[in-house]
Amino acid sequence: MNNLNPSKILLFSLSTWLIIFTIIPYKYYFNESPNEAIFFALLCFFAFFLGTFFCNDKISDNEIINTKNVKLIFNISFLLGVIGVLFRLYERIFLDSVLMYDNFTEYRFESLQQEDQLSIAGVLGSLFYPFGLSALLIYIYYNKIIYINKLPVYAFGSFFPIEAIFLGGRLNIIVFSLILFFAFQINSIKDKGKLILPNLRNSILVISIFFLFSLYSLNIVLTRFDQMGFDFTNYLNFLEISRNLEISSYFYNFADQRNFDLTSTYFFILVEMMHYYVSGLVEFIKLYNFNLSGFDPYFGSHQFNVFLKFFGFLGFDTISFMDTHDNHHQIGQYTSFLGPAYIDFGKYSIFYLFLLGYVSKKIYFSMSKGLISGQLLYPYVLTVVILSPMNHFFMQQYLYIFTAIIITITMFKIRL
């Protein structure tokens, strides 16, 4: 169980990042010295470790757990999830006219430009459909007392990544897969007192899933190439210029001399996935250097803008998400967990990371003691932690998942 400690998960993630950064055939350059930004990033991660160290295991147990309550809260969450999915489908098909586009990539680019245009169906769909995931988590932990066919539970609980597949996204698939992975690990601890260890069957399953995901990623990249008028050679040249990096000659020659055949193309997408992961901290360094002369932090308006968006929908004057990008060196680039935190809190991000480390360890203790609050929330927390070198998953649409889980936990703390 100790292997799921948030500090160990972060250490594993940072070690993985360092290994990939070392072997990737891309060499990254910076216009200014990266030393100060690297030092600040290390301080932030150290603050997270420090927060976990100072956390104690005192947890209050005021949850109401019995068969009747579990079934009732599962049914409420599942129903809200179904309603949310229906609203979401209505928004996509009838309001956004997704089926009128030539391909989903074209719709994806268009929708990014209209993200501040809200509708009642869009708001209700965003608020409710994550409850399907909450219901799925409850089902994973208590399926022995919830007598319902698992197919609709998984279908509506998996709308988050299913929608991403149809819209050409990848991050939501990764986030959902990791949440489920950690949930199954926690369930194994709950039932058997140990983690699910690798065996031949699990290894084959993981390798197969990774292979399919890599093929899916390749299809997305090829579709975007066609949309943007790129071929492989043009893209690599564009990548060197736009990301200020140098592609190793052995990699470039390997792909070019083979005329990007099946083998070299697959190798290319593997490298792109590696770049996808390591670029977050690289771009954070650029973001930090971009603001060396000083800036005005947004104190939460950037990371938690989805809540402001809701108040804006009600007619209040709020800051839009795009308004918070004036401190960003290049809009659209992942800047790890630290980038959005820095935009909101500046140098005070160190204290913010300390607090997050402390809270993460508290939730870990809650999970360890078998409390359903920890069991429901900790898979999401671990997902945020393990992906922190790549991107920030405690903001924007991912907060809808967090909110749904918190509301579900609240229902377990009151008598319904």
Foldseek 3Di string as FASTA:
>chain_A
DCCLQLLNLLVVLVVVLVVLVVPQQKFADDPDDLVVVVVLVVLQNVLLVVLLVPADLDDDDQFADDLVLLQVLLVVLQVLQVLLVVLVVCCCCPVLVCVPDPALQVSLVVCVVVVLDDDPSRVSNLQRNLSLLLSLLSCLQPVVSHPDDCVSSCVSSVVQVVVCLRNLHDPSVLLVVLLVQVLNQLSCCVPPVGGDDDDPVVVVVVVVVVVVSLVSLLVSVVVVCVVVVHDPVRVVVVCCVVRVMDGHPVLVCVCVVVVNPPVNVSVVSVSVVSCLQNVQQVQLSVLCVLQPVHDDAQQCCQFAVVVVSVVVVVPDDHQHNVNLCPSHPDPPAANFQVNNLCNHQNSCSSVVSSNLSNVLSNLVSCSVVPHVLSSSCNSSSSSQSSSRSNHGQSGDSSVSSVVSSVVSSVSRSDDD
